């Protein structure tokens, strides 16, 4: 049976169970929660690139100007047993996450229904559009340790999916989620097969967690893929104390193309330490290999990227988060712009960002 047929059966069964659950229970209706934020930044590229852009970045692209990165409004009704979530986005970040989308979906980052089905320890079903399960970092800068995103986040994994995910606790400290998806960064299926994903979330101890993610399916995102696109993603975190935490994110991806097997892989190490009640310092060191230049789309053979980022964070109030950041990128090939009509192997940027929460 094809994955698409499996998905149809799963969805039908889930909807039937949800209908039964709603009729059988007379629980009070939870209120809809509304929250959000506005995120702005100013970035300065030391090389003064002629393009006015920071190369190989995804969200902090604009150089030497103030930029409205993202305004997000979240409407959420927690499952009891039925709930939903909708994230409405506006800004340059959303334009990069959903390029070319001109329908009403262009402002919807996430919109999904949630149901908790009373099977065993409780099966949670989400159906709709949601952010990817892959990676250490997320689209919202406020929820990351650094302001800028890693090469892994920008080039190794997708941003979002449309489909169904089913989450079930296998043990007290182990949760599994199966993902049945239309594909990468798309609301519609473009072939006869669904993309499948898996998440295993293991709370090893109260201070150590391991998350293993995978995604596999026929995508043909570049027009030359002839087989499956597969990515395996690992996130390990450890909290030494309330003030000091570290994390490791590693990715391996491949895609079968008409020119052979394209590969990409990398790892990023993170550390964050609180400095007093309102401040924190975070650093990230990363290496990303793109041997065929396929993941980045540069087509540069033997491409290797490295970066080091240091971020200072100050929570001025409960509603205002300010960050200052310095980042240095290094490439094996001259892929970064400078003011003269040539390219360099290095790129250094300074950034000041502010997020207002409401």
Protein backbone atom coordinates (compact mmCIF):
# COMPACT_ATOMS: atom_id res chain seq x y z
CA UNK A 1 0.00 0.00 0.00
CA UNK A 2 1.33 3.45 -0.91
CA UNK A 3 2.02 6.01 1.80
CA UNK A 4 -0.83 8.13 0.40
CA UNK A 5 -3.32 5.28 0.95
CA UNK A 6 -1.96 4.74 4.45
CA UNK A 7 -2.42 8.43 5.20
CA UNK A 8 -6.04 8.32 3.97
CA UNK A 9 -6.86 5.39 6.23
CA UNK A 10 -5.16 7.00 9.24
CA UNK A 11 -6.94 10.32 8.74
CA UNK A 12 -10.34 8.65 8.30
CA UNK A 13 -9.88 6.57 11.44
CA UNK A 14 -8.71 9.60 13.41
CA UNK A 15 -11.69 11.71 12.31
CA UNK A 16 -14.14 8.96 13.25
CA UNK A 17 -12.54 8.62 16.67
CA UNK A 18 -12.51 12.38 17.15
CA UNK A 19 -16.21 12.56 16.31
CA UNK A 20 -16.99 9.84 18.84
CA UNK A 21 -14.84 11.53 21.49
CA UNK A 22 -16.53 14.90 21.05
CA UNK A 23 -20.00 13.36 21.40
CA UNK A 24 -18.98 11.22 24.36
CA UNK A 25 -17.42 13.96 26.44
CA UNK A 26 -18.99 17.11 27.79
CA UNK A 27 -15.84 18.92 28.81
CA UNK A 28 -15.76 22.70 29.22
CA UNK A 29 -14.51 24.58 26.17
CA UNK A 30 -11.06 26.13 26.78
CA UNK A 31 -10.61 29.78 25.90
CA UNK A 32 -8.67 30.84 22.81
CA UNK A 33 -5.27 32.25 23.78
CA UNK A 34 -3.81 35.13 21.76
CA UNK A 35 -0.13 36.06 21.82
CA UNK A 36 2.52 37.36 19.46
CA UNK A 37 5.60 39.46 18.86
CA UNK A 38 7.31 41.92 16.53
CA UNK A 39 10.93 41.32 15.53
CA UNK A 40 13.22 43.97 13.98
CA UNK A 41 16.96 44.03 13.34
CA UNK A 42 19.83 46.08 11.92
CA UNK A 43 22.72 44.19 10.32
CA UNK A 44 26.09 45.58 9.21
CA UNK A 45 28.36 43.62 6.90
CA UNK A 46 31.99 44.64 7.42
CA UNK A 47 32.78 44.02 3.71
CA UNK A 48 30.06 46.44 2.47
CA UNK A 49 28.73 43.96 -0.16
CA UNK A 50 27.71 45.49 -3.45
CA UNK A 51 24.51 43.42 -3.38
CA UNK A 52 23.50 44.86 -0.01
CA UNK A 53 22.94 41.32 1.27
CA UNK A 54 24.56 38.91 3.71
CA UNK A 55 25.30 35.83 1.61
CA UNK A 56 24.15 32.31 2.56
CA UNK A 57 21.95 33.56 5.38
CA UNK A 58 18.23 32.94 5.44
CA UNK A 59 16.52 35.55 7.67
CA UNK A 60 19.19 38.16 8.53
CA UNK A 61 19.87 38.88 4.85
CA UNK A 62 19.39 42.64 4.58
CA UNK A 63 22.60 44.62 5.19
CA UNK A 64 23.08 48.18 6.42
CA UNK A 65 19.39 48.85 7.01
CA UNK A 66 16.65 48.42 9.58
CA UNK A 67 14.42 45.48 8.71
CA UNK A 68 11.06 44.28 9.96
CA UNK A 69 11.89 40.61 10.17
CA UNK A 70 8.67 39.15 11.48
CA UNK A 71 5.38 40.04 13.10
CA UNK A 72 3.55 36.99 14.38
CA UNK A 73 0.12 36.57 15.96
CA UNK A 74 -0.70 33.20 17.50
CA UNK A 75 -4.23 32.00 18.19
CA UNK A 76 -4.39 28.76 20.13
CA UNK A 77 -7.01 26.66 21.82
CA UNK A 78 -5.40 23.83 23.73
CA UNK A 79 -6.84 20.38 23.15
CA UNK A 80 -9.51 19.31 25.54
CA UNK A 81 -9.86 16.99 23.68
CA UNK A 82 -10.10 19.17 20.54
CA UNK A 83 -7.95 22.21 19.90
CA UNK A 84 -6.26 24.24 17.19
CA UNK A 85 -3.37 26.57 16.55
CA UNK A 86 -2.88 29.28 13.92
CA UNK A 87 0.27 31.40 13.46
CA UNK A 88 -0.22 34.46 11.23
CA UNK A 89 3.06 35.95 9.97
CA UNK A 90 4.13 39.11 8.18
CA UNK A 91 7.62 40.35 7.30
CA UNK A 92 10.75 39.53 5.33
CA UNK A 93 11.23 36.26 7.23
CA UNK A 94 7.83 35.03 6.11
CA UNK A 95 8.62 36.08 2.53
CA UNK A 96 11.68 33.80 2.63
CA UNK A 97 9.85 30.90 4.28
CA UNK A 98 7.05 31.00 1.70
CA UNK A 99 8.48 32.54 -1.50
CA UNK A 100 6.08 32.81 -4.40
CA UNK A 101 2.99 31.99 -2.32
CA UNK A 102 0.38 34.58 -3.30
CA UNK A 103 -2.79 33.01 -1.91
CA UNK A 104 -4.29 33.62 1.52
CA UNK A 105 -1.94 30.89 2.79
CA UNK A 106 0.99 33.28 2.35
CA UNK A 107 0.43 34.73 5.83
CA UNK A 108 -0.23 31.40 7.55
CA UNK A 109 2.90 29.81 8.94
CA UNK A 110 0.95 27.20 10.87
CA UNK A 111 -2.72 26.23 11.01
CA UNK A 112 -3.70 22.85 12.35
CA UNK A 113 -6.33 21.02 14.37
CA UNK A 114 -5.32 18.94 17.38
CA UNK A 115 -7.17 16.02 18.93
CA UNK A 116 -6.20 13.80 21.85
CA UNK A 117 -7.68 10.37 21.22
CA UNK A 118 -8.16 8.12 24.28
CA UNK A 119 -6.13 5.20 23.01
CA UNK A 120 -3.75 3.73 25.57
CA UNK A 121 -1.74 6.60 27.06
CA UNK A 122 -3.35 9.06 24.63
CA UNK A 123 -2.71 9.53 20.91
CA UNK A 124 -2.28 13.16 19.83
CA UNK A 125 -3.22 13.89 16.22
CA UNK A 126 -2.37 17.17 14.46
CA UNK A 127 -3.74 17.78 10.96
CA UNK A 128 -2.98 20.80 8.79
CA UNK A 129 0.07 22.96 8.18
CA UNK A 130 2.87 23.06 10.77
CA UNK A 131 6.53 23.95 11.22
CA UNK A 132 9.04 21.21 10.52
CA UNK A 133 10.10 18.79 13.23
CA UNK A 134 13.71 18.95 12.02
CA UNK A 135 16.56 20.88 13.59
CA UNK A 136 17.69 22.61 16.76
CA UNK A 137 16.49 26.05 15.71
CA UNK A 138 13.10 27.49 14.74
CA UNK A 139 11.74 30.31 12.59
CA UNK A 140 11.08 32.62 15.56
CA UNK A 141 14.34 34.23 16.68
CA UNK A 142 13.13 34.72 20.26
CA UNK A 143 13.05 30.95 20.77
CA UNK A 144 16.66 30.40 19.68
CA UNK A 145 19.87 30.99 21.61
CA UNK A 146 21.35 33.12 18.79
CA UNK A 147 19.63 35.68 16.60
CA UNK A 148 20.96 34.52 13.22
CA UNK A 149 20.25 30.95 12.08
CA UNK A 150 22.82 28.26 11.39
CA UNK A 151 23.79 26.95 7.96
CA UNK A 152 22.09 23.71 8.99
CA UNK A 153 18.79 25.50 9.54
CA UNK A 154 19.15 27.48 6.32
CA UNK A 155 20.24 24.71 3.95
CA UNK A 156 19.97 21.20 5.42
CA UNK A 157 16.30 20.97 6.42
CA UNK A 158 12.83 22.22 5.39
CA UNK A 159 10.83 25.02 7.03
CA UNK A 160 7.30 23.60 7.13
CA UNK A 161 4.96 20.83 6.01
CA UNK A 162 1.29 20.11 5.35
CA UNK A 163 -0.09 16.78 6.49
CA UNK A 164 -0.75 14.75 9.62
CA UNK A 165 1.40 13.92 12.62
CA UNK A 166 0.59 11.33 15.26
CA UNK A 167 2.34 11.49 18.62
CA UNK A 168 2.29 8.78 21.27
CA UNK A 169 4.21 8.26 24.55
CA UNK A 170 6.05 4.94 24.28
CA UNK A 171 7.30 5.31 27.87
CA UNK A 172 7.33 7.90 30.62
CA UNK A 173 10.42 9.52 29.13
CA UNK A 174 10.14 8.50 25.46
CA UNK A 175 7.74 9.99 22.92
CA UNK A 176 7.38 9.00 19.25
CA UNK A 177 5.81 11.04 16.45
CA UNK A 178 5.02 9.79 12.95
CA UNK A 179 4.66 12.38 10.18
CA UNK A 180 2.68 11.81 6.95
CA UNK A 181 3.40 14.83 4.76
CA UNK A 182 2.77 16.31 1.34
CA UNK A 183 6.42 17.29 1.11
CA UNK A 184 8.96 20.04 1.86
CA UNK A 185 7.78 23.66 2.14
CA UNK A 186 4.60 22.95 0.23
CA UNK A 187 0.88 22.80 0.82
CA UNK A 188 0.19 20.46 -2.08
CA UNK A 189 1.50 17.06 -3.10
CA UNK A 190 3.46 17.03 -6.38
CA UNK A 191 3.66 13.27 -6.97
CA UNK A 192 1.96 9.96 -6.12
CA UNK A 193 3.83 9.43 -2.86
CA UNK A 194 3.69 11.03 0.56
CA UNK A 195 6.81 12.04 2.42
CA UNK A 196 7.25 10.25 5.75
CA UNK A 197 8.90 11.54 8.90
CA UNK A 198 9.77 10.28 12.36
CA UNK A 199 10.66 11.87 15.69
CA UNK A 200 11.92 10.07 18.78
CA UNK A 201 12.16 12.35 21.81
CA UNK A 202 13.98 10.77 24.75
CA UNK A 203 14.34 12.58 28.07
CA UNK A 204 17.38 10.63 29.23
CA UNK A 205 17.45 12.45 32.57
CA UNK A 206 15.94 15.62 33.93
CA UNK A 207 18.84 17.56 32.46
CA UNK A 208 19.69 15.59 29.28
CA UNK A 209 17.55 15.12 26.19
CA UNK A 210 18.06 13.40 22.84
CA UNK A 211 15.85 14.00 19.80
CA UNK A 212 16.25 11.95 16.62
CA UNK A 213 14.42 13.21 13.54
CA UNK A 214 14.16 11.77 10.04
CA UNK A 215 12.37 12.63 6.81
CA UNK A 216 12.23 10.64 3.58
CA UNK A 217 10.29 11.00 0.34
CA UNK A 218 10.20 11.83 -3.36
CA UNK A 219 10.53 15.60 -3.58
CA UNK A 220 12.36 16.72 -6.77
CA UNK A 221 12.76 20.22 -5.38
CA UNK A 222 15.37 21.18 -7.96
CA UNK A 223 13.87 19.53 -11.03
CA UNK A 224 16.75 17.07 -11.43
CA UNK A 225 16.03 14.68 -8.57
CA UNK A 226 15.27 11.14 -9.72
CA UNK A 227 14.83 9.42 -6.36
CA UNK A 228 14.23 10.06 -2.71
CA UNK A 229 15.44 12.97 -0.63
CA UNK A 230 16.40 11.87 2.89
CA UNK A 231 17.62 13.76 5.96
CA UNK A 232 18.51 12.45 9.42
CA UNK A 233 18.73 15.04 12.19
CA UNK A 234 20.07 14.67 15.75
CA UNK A 235 19.69 17.13 18.64
CA UNK A 236 21.34 16.51 22.01
CA UNK A 237 20.95 18.97 24.89
CA UNK A 238 22.35 19.02 28.40
CA UNK A 239 21.63 21.42 31.22
CA UNK A 240 24.54 21.65 33.66
CA UNK A 241 22.63 24.11 35.84
CA UNK A 242 19.83 26.66 35.61
CA UNK A 243 22.43 29.09 34.26
CA UNK A 244 24.44 26.93 31.83
CA UNK A 245 23.30 24.69 28.95
CA UNK A 246 24.87 23.15 25.85
CA UNK A 247 23.47 21.56 22.72
CA UNK A 248 24.66 19.66 19.66
CA UNK A 249 22.82 19.50 16.32
CA UNK A 250 23.99 17.22 13.50
CA UNK A 251 22.47 16.58 10.06
CA UNK A 252 23.07 14.18 7.20
CA UNK A 253 21.12 14.58 3.96
CA UNK A 254 21.12 13.10 0.48
CA UNK A 255 19.14 13.26 -2.74
CA UNK A 256 19.31 11.06 -5.84
CA UNK A 257 19.72 13.20 -8.95
CA UNK A 258 20.36 12.66 -12.65
CA UNK A 259 23.97 13.62 -11.95
CA UNK A 260 24.43 11.10 -9.13
CA UNK A 261 23.93 11.15 -5.38
CA UNK A 262 24.05 14.63 -3.83
CA UNK A 263 25.11 14.80 -0.19
CA UNK A 264 25.20 17.42 2.54
CA UNK A 265 26.12 17.13 6.21
CA UNK A 266 27.17 19.22 9.15
CA UNK A 267 27.16 19.83 12.88
CA UNK A 268 26.70 22.82 15.17
CA UNK A 269 27.64 23.18 18.83
CA UNK A 270 25.82 25.64 21.09
CA UNK A 271 26.43 26.95 24.62
CA UNK A 272 24.43 29.48 26.63
CA UNK A 273 25.15 30.93 30.04
CA UNK A 274 23.02 33.30 32.07
CA UNK A 275 24.73 36.44 33.37
CA UNK A 276 22.59 37.77 36.18
CA UNK A 277 18.80 37.82 36.05
CA UNK A 278 18.36 39.62 32.74
CA UNK A 279 21.41 38.88 30.57
CA UNK A 280 22.85 35.86 28.80
CA UNK A 281 25.72 34.98 26.50
CA UNK A 282 25.37 32.37 23.75
CA UNK A 283 27.91 31.02 21.27
CA UNK A 284 27.61 28.72 18.27
CA UNK A 285 30.31 27.01 16.25
CA UNK A 286 29.40 25.16 13.07
CA UNK A 287 30.72 23.28 10.06
CA UNK A 288 28.63 22.46 6.99
CA UNK A 289 29.81 20.33 4.06
CA UNK A 290 28.05 20.64 0.70
CA UNK A 291 30.40 18.61 -1.58
CA UNK A 292 28.44 19.18 -4.79
CA UNK A 293 27.16 22.63 -3.83
CA UNK A 294 23.70 21.09 -4.09
CA UNK A 295 22.02 22.02 -0.81
CA UNK A 296 23.07 25.68 -1.09
CA UNK A 297 22.33 25.78 -4.82
CA UNK A 298 25.77 27.25 -5.55
CA UNK A 299 27.03 24.30 -7.59
CA UNK A 300 30.53 24.72 -6.10
CA UNK A 301 32.44 21.46 -5.92
CA UNK A 302 33.91 20.64 -2.51
CA UNK A 303 32.13 23.51 -0.75
CA UNK A 304 32.81 23.66 2.99
CA UNK A 305 31.35 26.33 5.27
CA UNK A 306 32.18 27.26 8.85
CA UNK A 307 30.85 29.93 11.15
CA UNK A 308 31.23 31.23 14.68
CA UNK A 309 28.55 33.35 16.32
CA UNK A 310 28.53 35.14 19.67
CA UNK A 311 25.28 36.65 20.97
CA UNK A 312 24.59 38.90 23.95
CA UNK A 313 20.99 38.90 25.17
CA UNK A 314 19.32 41.39 27.47
CA UNK A 315 15.74 40.99 28.67
CA UNK A 316 14.97 44.65 29.33
CA UNK A 317 11.44 43.76 30.48
CA UNK A 318 9.21 40.72 30.22
CA UNK A 319 7.99 42.17 26.93
CA UNK A 320 11.27 43.36 25.37
CA UNK A 321 14.21 41.19 24.33
CA UNK A 322 17.32 42.88 22.90
CA UNK A 323 20.25 41.04 21.28
CA UNK A 324 23.62 42.09 19.97
CA UNK A 325 25.53 39.64 17.78
CA UNK A 326 28.80 39.22 15.92
CA UNK A 327 29.21 36.44 13.37
CA UNK A 328 32.12 35.32 11.18
CA UNK A 329 31.58 33.01 8.20
CA UNK A 330 34.36 31.12 6.41
CA UNK A 331 34.09 29.31 3.08
CA UNK A 332 36.44 27.02 1.18
CA UNK A 333 35.56 29.01 -1.97
CA UNK A 334 35.00 32.73 -2.59
CA UNK A 335 31.21 32.91 -2.24
CA UNK A 336 30.78 36.06 -0.12
CA UNK A 337 30.29 39.50 -1.67
CA UNK A 338 32.32 42.62 -1.02
CA UNK A 339 32.04 46.19 -2.27
CA UNK A 340 34.39 45.58 -5.21
CA UNK A 341 33.11 43.31 -8.04
CA UNK A 342 34.73 40.21 -6.61
CA UNK A 343 34.07 37.59 -3.95
CA UNK A 344 35.77 36.61 -0.72
CA UNK A 345 36.10 33.52 1.45
CA UNK A 346 35.14 35.38 4.63
CA UNK A 347 32.14 37.34 5.84
CA UNK A 348 31.80 39.21 9.14
CA UNK A 349 28.55 40.77 10.28
CA UNK A 350 27.38 42.79 13.27
CA UNK A 351 23.73 42.75 14.25
CA UNK A 352 21.38 44.41 16.70
CA UNK A 353 17.94 42.85 17.09
CA UNK A 354 14.90 43.58 19.23
CA UNK A 355 11.77 41.52 19.85
CA UNK A 356 8.65 43.00 21.48
CA UNK A 357 6.29 40.37 22.89
CA UNK A 358 2.59 40.76 23.57
